[in-house]
Amino acid sequence: MEAQNLVKEICPTTTQAYIANGALLVDVRELDEVAEVAFDVPNIISIPLSEFENRFNEIPKDKEVVIVCKSGVRSLRAAGFLINHGYENVVNMKFGIQRWLEKGFPVKGEIKKTENNLGCCSSSSCC
């Protein structure tokens, strides 16, 4: 049986430290989702999961990369794909932009009030 590389996961609070250290965020949500509300960070690119296999080479291998999406599921798939294609500095942001919004981190766009399905507390500690 082949060895499987596991994806490291971090929360939005830890993602803030990665961003401060120059990490690149890769948002794998579809373009209509990004148009509604987007992460407001300096180093971000959008590669929808539907285009990911054809465009993943746009992601530099020499940078720390945090993969993000709405809830952390699609980004986990994308992060695993990158690791299996030779990327070493890749992490997944668990809970996605949903938790990012709950934490009050910066976004662009109109935030729609939705029912909280995550059961998240509003404390400032890491998720």
N, C-alpha and C. Protein backbone atom coordinates (compact mmCIF):
# COMPACT_ATOMS: atom_id res chain seq x y z
N MET A 1 0.84 -1.19 0.00
CA MET A 1 0.00 0.00 0.00
C MET A 1 0.89 1.24 0.00
N GLU A 2 0.49 2.23 -0.80
CA GLU A 2 1.26 3.47 -0.90
C GLU A 2 1.10 4.33 0.35
N ALA A 3 2.17 5.04 0.70
CA ALA A 3 2.09 5.97 1.83
C ALA A 3 1.24 7.16 1.42
N GLN A 4 0.41 7.62 2.32
CA GLN A 4 -0.46 8.75 2.03
C GLN A 4 0.01 9.95 2.83
N ASN A 5 0.16 11.08 2.15
CA ASN A 5 0.55 12.31 2.82
C ASN A 5 -0.69 13.00 3.36
N LEU A 6 -0.69 13.29 4.64
CA LEU A 6 -1.82 13.97 5.25
C LEU A 6 -1.65 15.47 5.12
N VAL A 7 -2.75 16.15 5.02
CA VAL A 7 -2.75 17.61 4.88
C VAL A 7 -2.81 18.24 6.27
N LYS A 8 -1.91 19.15 6.53
CA LYS A 8 -1.96 19.92 7.77
C LYS A 8 -3.10 20.92 7.67
N GLU A 9 -3.87 21.04 8.75
CA GLU A 9 -4.97 22.00 8.76
C GLU A 9 -4.74 23.04 9.85
N ILE A 10 -5.09 24.27 9.51
CA ILE A 10 -4.99 25.38 10.45
C ILE A 10 -6.32 26.13 10.47
N CYS A 11 -6.54 26.87 11.53
CA CYS A 11 -7.78 27.63 11.64
C CYS A 11 -7.57 29.05 11.09
N PRO A 12 -8.64 29.82 10.92
CA PRO A 12 -8.50 31.18 10.43
C PRO A 12 -7.60 32.06 11.30
N THR A 13 -7.60 31.86 12.60
CA THR A 13 -6.75 32.66 13.47
C THR A 13 -5.27 32.39 13.16
N THR A 14 -4.91 31.14 13.02
CA THR A 14 -3.55 30.78 12.67
C THR A 14 -3.21 31.26 11.25
N THR A 15 -4.20 31.24 10.38
CA THR A 15 -4.00 31.72 9.01
C THR A 15 -3.54 33.17 9.02
N GLN A 16 -4.04 33.96 9.97
CA GLN A 16 -3.61 35.36 10.08
C GLN A 16 -2.09 35.45 10.27
N ALA A 17 -1.52 34.57 11.06
CA ALA A 17 -0.07 34.57 11.27
C ALA A 17 0.66 34.16 9.99
N TYR A 18 0.11 33.20 9.27
CA TYR A 18 0.70 32.79 7.99
C TYR A 18 0.71 33.98 7.02
N ILE A 19 -0.40 34.71 6.96
CA ILE A 19 -0.51 35.87 6.08
C ILE A 19 0.53 36.92 6.46
N ALA A 20 0.66 37.17 7.75
CA ALA A 20 1.64 38.16 8.23
C ALA A 20 3.06 37.78 7.83
N ASN A 21 3.31 36.48 7.68
CA ASN A 21 4.63 36.00 7.28
C ASN A 21 4.76 35.82 5.78
N GLY A 22 3.79 36.33 5.00
CA GLY A 22 3.90 36.32 3.55
C GLY A 22 3.29 35.15 2.83
N ALA A 23 2.49 34.34 3.50
CA ALA A 23 1.87 33.19 2.83
C ALA A 23 0.90 33.65 1.75
N LEU A 24 0.74 32.81 0.76
CA LEU A 24 -0.20 33.03 -0.33
C LEU A 24 -1.48 32.27 -0.03
N LEU A 25 -2.63 32.95 -0.09
CA LEU A 25 -3.92 32.28 0.02
C LEU A 25 -4.37 31.90 -1.38
N VAL A 26 -4.86 30.68 -1.52
CA VAL A 26 -5.43 30.23 -2.79
C VAL A 26 -6.89 29.87 -2.50
N ASP A 27 -7.80 30.67 -3.06
CA ASP A 27 -9.24 30.49 -2.85
C ASP A 27 -9.77 29.58 -3.96
N VAL A 28 -10.32 28.43 -3.60
CA VAL A 28 -10.81 27.47 -4.58
C VAL A 28 -12.33 27.52 -4.74
N ARG A 29 -12.96 28.55 -4.18
CA ARG A 29 -14.40 28.70 -4.40
C ARG A 29 -14.64 29.12 -5.85
N GLU A 30 -15.84 28.90 -6.33
CA GLU A 30 -16.19 29.29 -7.69
C GLU A 30 -16.31 30.82 -7.77
N LEU A 31 -16.17 31.34 -8.98
CA LEU A 31 -16.09 32.80 -9.17
C LEU A 31 -17.33 33.53 -8.65
N ASP A 32 -18.52 32.94 -8.78
CA ASP A 32 -19.72 33.61 -8.28
C ASP A 32 -19.70 33.71 -6.75
N GLU A 33 -19.11 32.74 -6.09
CA GLU A 33 -18.98 32.80 -4.63
C GLU A 33 -18.00 33.90 -4.21
N VAL A 34 -16.89 34.00 -4.94
CA VAL A 34 -15.88 35.02 -4.64
C VAL A 34 -16.44 36.41 -4.90
N ALA A 35 -17.30 36.54 -5.92
CA ALA A 35 -17.90 37.84 -6.24
C ALA A 35 -18.80 38.33 -5.11
N GLU A 36 -19.43 37.41 -4.39
CA GLU A 36 -20.30 37.79 -3.27
C GLU A 36 -19.49 38.32 -2.09
N VAL A 37 -18.53 37.55 -1.65
CA VAL A 37 -17.68 37.94 -0.53
C VAL A 37 -16.31 37.28 -0.71
N ALA A 38 -15.27 38.10 -0.56
CA ALA A 38 -13.91 37.62 -0.80
C ALA A 38 -13.03 37.95 0.40
N PHE A 39 -11.99 37.15 0.57
CA PHE A 39 -10.98 37.42 1.59
C PHE A 39 -10.28 38.73 1.22
N ASP A 40 -10.10 39.60 2.19
CA ASP A 40 -9.40 40.87 1.96
C ASP A 40 -7.99 40.74 2.55
N VAL A 41 -7.11 40.12 1.78
CA VAL A 41 -5.72 39.91 2.19
C VAL A 41 -4.82 40.28 1.02
N PRO A 42 -3.56 40.61 1.30
CA PRO A 42 -2.67 41.08 0.23
C PRO A 42 -2.25 40.01 -0.78
N ASN A 43 -1.98 38.80 -0.36
CA ASN A 43 -1.48 37.77 -1.26
C ASN A 43 -2.53 36.68 -1.44
N ILE A 44 -3.35 36.82 -2.50
CA ILE A 44 -4.40 35.83 -2.74
C ILE A 44 -4.60 35.65 -4.23
N ILE A 45 -4.85 34.41 -4.62
CA ILE A 45 -5.26 34.14 -5.99
C ILE A 45 -6.48 33.24 -5.95
N SER A 46 -7.28 33.35 -6.98
CA SER A 46 -8.48 32.54 -7.08
C SER A 46 -8.30 31.52 -8.20
N ILE A 47 -8.41 30.25 -7.82
CA ILE A 47 -8.41 29.16 -8.79
C ILE A 47 -9.57 28.24 -8.40
N PRO A 48 -10.72 28.41 -9.04
CA PRO A 48 -11.87 27.57 -8.70
C PRO A 48 -11.53 26.08 -8.77
N LEU A 49 -12.10 25.31 -7.87
CA LEU A 49 -11.82 23.88 -7.84
C LEU A 49 -12.14 23.23 -9.19
N SER A 50 -13.16 23.76 -9.89
CA SER A 50 -13.52 23.21 -11.20
C SER A 50 -12.42 23.40 -12.24
N GLU A 51 -11.48 24.30 -11.99
CA GLU A 51 -10.37 24.56 -12.91
C GLU A 51 -9.03 24.14 -12.33
N PHE A 52 -9.04 23.61 -11.12
CA PHE A 52 -7.82 23.42 -10.34
C PHE A 52 -6.80 22.51 -11.01
N GLU A 53 -7.24 21.37 -11.54
CA GLU A 53 -6.29 20.43 -12.15
C GLU A 53 -5.55 21.04 -13.33
N ASN A 54 -6.21 21.97 -14.04
CA ASN A 54 -5.59 22.61 -15.20
C ASN A 54 -4.77 23.83 -14.85
N ARG A 55 -4.97 24.40 -13.66
CA ARG A 55 -4.32 25.67 -13.32
C ARG A 55 -3.42 25.63 -12.10
N PHE A 56 -3.29 24.47 -11.44
CA PHE A 56 -2.53 24.43 -10.19
C PHE A 56 -1.08 24.86 -10.35
N ASN A 57 -0.54 24.77 -11.56
CA ASN A 57 0.85 25.20 -11.80
C ASN A 57 1.06 26.70 -11.61
N GLU A 58 -0.04 27.46 -11.51
CA GLU A 58 0.06 28.90 -11.23
C GLU A 58 0.49 29.16 -9.79
N ILE A 59 0.41 28.16 -8.96
CA ILE A 59 0.75 28.29 -7.54
C ILE A 59 2.24 28.02 -7.37
N PRO A 60 2.99 28.99 -6.84
CA PRO A 60 4.43 28.78 -6.68
C PRO A 60 4.74 27.70 -5.64
N LYS A 61 5.76 26.89 -5.94
CA LYS A 61 6.16 25.84 -5.01
C LYS A 61 7.08 26.37 -3.92
N ASP A 62 7.63 27.56 -4.10
CA ASP A 62 8.61 28.09 -3.15
C ASP A 62 7.99 29.01 -2.10
N LYS A 63 6.66 29.08 -2.03
CA LYS A 63 5.98 29.92 -1.03
C LYS A 63 5.13 29.05 -0.11
N GLU A 64 4.90 29.57 1.08
CA GLU A 64 3.92 28.95 1.99
C GLU A 64 2.55 29.22 1.39
N VAL A 65 1.71 28.19 1.28
CA VAL A 65 0.41 28.31 0.65
C VAL A 65 -0.68 27.83 1.61
N VAL A 66 -1.73 28.65 1.73
CA VAL A 66 -2.90 28.27 2.52
C VAL A 66 -4.07 28.17 1.54
N ILE A 67 -4.68 26.99 1.45
CA ILE A 67 -5.82 26.78 0.56
C ILE A 67 -7.09 27.06 1.36
N VAL A 68 -8.02 27.83 0.74
CA VAL A 68 -9.25 28.25 1.43
C VAL A 68 -10.46 28.03 0.52
N CYS A 69 -11.63 27.89 1.16
CA CYS A 69 -12.89 27.80 0.44
C CYS A 69 -14.01 28.27 1.37
N LYS A 70 -15.23 27.79 1.16
CA LYS A 70 -16.35 28.21 1.98
C LYS A 70 -16.35 27.55 3.37
N SER A 71 -16.12 26.22 3.40
CA SER A 71 -16.21 25.52 4.68
C SER A 71 -14.99 24.67 5.02
N GLY A 72 -14.04 24.58 4.10
CA GLY A 72 -12.84 23.80 4.35
C GLY A 72 -12.81 22.44 3.68
N VAL A 73 -13.89 22.05 3.02
CA VAL A 73 -13.96 20.73 2.40
C VAL A 73 -13.28 20.73 1.03
N ARG A 74 -13.67 21.67 0.16
CA ARG A 74 -13.05 21.74 -1.16
C ARG A 74 -11.57 22.08 -1.06
N SER A 75 -11.25 22.97 -0.12
CA SER A 75 -9.84 23.36 0.04
C SER A 75 -9.00 22.18 0.52
N LEU A 76 -9.58 21.30 1.33
CA LEU A 76 -8.86 20.11 1.78
C LEU A 76 -8.52 19.21 0.59
N ARG A 77 -9.47 19.06 -0.31
CA ARG A 77 -9.23 18.26 -1.53
C ARG A 77 -8.11 18.88 -2.35
N ALA A 78 -8.17 20.21 -2.53
CA ALA A 78 -7.16 20.90 -3.34
C ALA A 78 -5.78 20.81 -2.69
N ALA A 79 -5.72 20.96 -1.37
CA ALA A 79 -4.44 20.87 -0.66
C ALA A 79 -3.84 19.47 -0.82
N GLY A 80 -4.67 18.46 -0.69
CA GLY A 80 -4.20 17.09 -0.88
C GLY A 80 -3.69 16.87 -2.30
N PHE A 81 -4.38 17.43 -3.27
CA PHE A 81 -3.95 17.34 -4.66
C PHE A 81 -2.57 17.95 -4.83
N LEU A 82 -2.35 19.14 -4.25
CA LEU A 82 -1.05 19.80 -4.37
C LEU A 82 0.06 18.97 -3.73
N ILE A 83 -0.20 18.47 -2.54
CA ILE A 83 0.80 17.65 -1.84
C ILE A 83 1.17 16.44 -2.68
N ASN A 84 0.18 15.84 -3.31
CA ASN A 84 0.43 14.67 -4.15
C ASN A 84 1.09 15.04 -5.48
N HIS A 85 1.21 16.34 -5.75
CA HIS A 85 1.90 16.82 -6.95
C HIS A 85 3.18 17.56 -6.59
N GLY A 86 3.76 17.23 -5.44
CA GLY A 86 5.09 17.72 -5.10
C GLY A 86 5.17 19.01 -4.31
N TYR A 87 4.04 19.58 -3.92
CA TYR A 87 4.07 20.80 -3.10
C TYR A 87 4.31 20.40 -1.65
N GLU A 88 5.20 21.11 -0.98
CA GLU A 88 5.55 20.76 0.39
C GLU A 88 5.05 21.77 1.43
N ASN A 89 4.86 23.01 1.04
CA ASN A 89 4.49 24.07 1.99
C ASN A 89 3.02 24.45 1.84
N VAL A 90 2.14 23.46 1.95
CA VAL A 90 0.71 23.66 1.75
C VAL A 90 -0.05 23.28 3.00
N VAL A 91 -0.99 24.14 3.41
CA VAL A 91 -1.89 23.82 4.51
C VAL A 91 -3.31 24.15 4.08
N ASN A 92 -4.26 23.54 4.73
CA ASN A 92 -5.67 23.82 4.50
C ASN A 92 -6.22 24.66 5.65
N MET A 93 -7.01 25.68 5.31
CA MET A 93 -7.68 26.45 6.36
C MET A 93 -9.04 25.79 6.62
N LYS A 94 -9.13 25.09 7.76
CA LYS A 94 -10.38 24.41 8.10
C LYS A 94 -11.46 25.44 8.44
N PHE A 95 -12.68 25.06 8.20
CA PHE A 95 -13.89 25.85 8.46
C PHE A 95 -14.11 26.98 7.46
N GLY A 96 -13.16 27.27 6.57
CA GLY A 96 -13.35 28.19 5.47
C GLY A 96 -13.74 29.62 5.82
N ILE A 97 -14.26 30.28 4.79
CA ILE A 97 -14.62 31.69 4.94
C ILE A 97 -15.77 31.86 5.93
N GLN A 98 -16.54 30.80 6.14
CA GLN A 98 -17.62 30.88 7.14
C GLN A 98 -17.06 31.24 8.51
N ARG A 99 -16.02 30.53 8.93
CA ARG A 99 -15.43 30.81 10.24
C ARG A 99 -14.65 32.12 10.21
N TRP A 100 -14.01 32.42 9.07
CA TRP A 100 -13.29 33.68 8.88
C TRP A 100 -14.24 34.85 9.16
N LEU A 101 -15.45 34.77 8.62
CA LEU A 101 -16.45 35.81 8.84
C LEU A 101 -16.88 35.88 10.30
N GLU A 102 -17.08 34.71 10.92
CA GLU A 102 -17.48 34.67 12.33
C GLU A 102 -16.43 35.32 13.21
N LYS A 103 -15.17 35.20 12.83
CA LYS A 103 -14.08 35.79 13.60
C LYS A 103 -13.93 37.29 13.33
N GLY A 104 -14.63 37.81 12.33
CA GLY A 104 -14.57 39.23 12.02
C GLY A 104 -13.34 39.64 11.24
N PHE A 105 -12.70 38.68 10.56
CA PHE A 105 -11.51 38.99 9.77
C PHE A 105 -11.92 39.70 8.48
N PRO A 106 -11.00 40.43 7.85
CA PRO A 106 -11.36 41.32 6.73
C PRO A 106 -11.83 40.60 5.47
N VAL A 107 -12.92 41.14 4.90
CA VAL A 107 -13.47 40.64 3.65
C VAL A 107 -13.87 41.81 2.76
N LYS A 108 -14.06 41.50 1.50
CA LYS A 108 -14.60 42.45 0.53
C LYS A 108 -15.95 41.90 0.10
N GLY A 109 -16.93 42.80 -0.03
CA GLY A 109 -18.25 42.38 -0.49
C GLY A 109 -19.27 42.45 0.61
N GLU A 110 -20.50 42.12 0.23
CA GLU A 110 -21.62 42.19 1.16
C GLU A 110 -21.77 40.88 1.90
N ILE A 111 -21.77 40.98 3.21
CA ILE A 111 -21.90 39.79 4.05
C ILE A 111 -23.38 39.52 4.27
N LYS A 112 -23.83 38.35 3.85
CA LYS A 112 -25.23 37.96 4.05
C LYS A 112 -25.33 37.22 5.37
N LYS A 113 -26.35 37.55 6.13
CA LYS A 113 -26.60 36.84 7.39
C LYS A 113 -27.09 35.44 7.07
N THR A 114 -26.41 34.45 7.61
CA THR A 114 -26.82 33.06 7.42
C THR A 114 -26.88 32.38 8.77
N GLU A 115 -27.60 31.30 8.79
CA GLU A 115 -27.69 30.51 10.02
C GLU A 115 -26.32 29.89 10.30
N ASN A 116 -25.91 29.92 11.54
CA ASN A 116 -24.62 29.36 11.91
C ASN A 116 -24.74 27.85 12.03
N ASN A 117 -24.16 27.14 11.06
CA ASN A 117 -24.21 25.69 11.06
C ASN A 117 -23.00 25.06 11.72
N LEU A 118 -22.05 25.88 12.13
CA LEU A 118 -20.80 25.34 12.65
C LEU A 118 -20.79 25.24 14.17
N GLY A 119 -21.68 25.92 14.84
CA GLY A 119 -21.69 25.88 16.28
C GLY A 119 -20.48 26.57 16.87
N CYS A 120 -19.98 27.57 16.19
CA CYS A 120 -18.76 28.25 16.61
C CYS A 120 -19.04 29.24 17.74
N CYS A 121 -18.12 29.28 18.64
CA CYS A 121 -18.18 30.30 19.66
C CYS A 121 -17.60 31.57 19.08
N SER A 122 -17.79 32.69 19.71
CA SER A 122 -17.26 33.95 19.19
C SER A 122 -16.02 34.41 19.91
N SER A 123 -15.35 33.50 20.59
CA SER A 123 -14.15 33.89 21.32
C SER A 123 -13.05 34.25 20.35
N SER A 124 -12.06 34.97 20.80
CA SER A 124 -10.97 35.40 19.94
C SER A 124 -9.87 34.35 19.84
N SER A 125 -10.00 33.26 20.56
CA SER A 125 -8.98 32.22 20.49
C SER A 125 -9.07 31.48 19.17
N CYS A 126 -8.08 30.67 18.91
CA CYS A 126 -8.06 29.92 17.66
C CYS A 126 -9.26 28.96 17.62
N CYS A 127 -9.67 28.68 16.43
CA CYS A 127 -10.84 27.80 16.21
C CYS A 127 -10.51 26.42 16.67
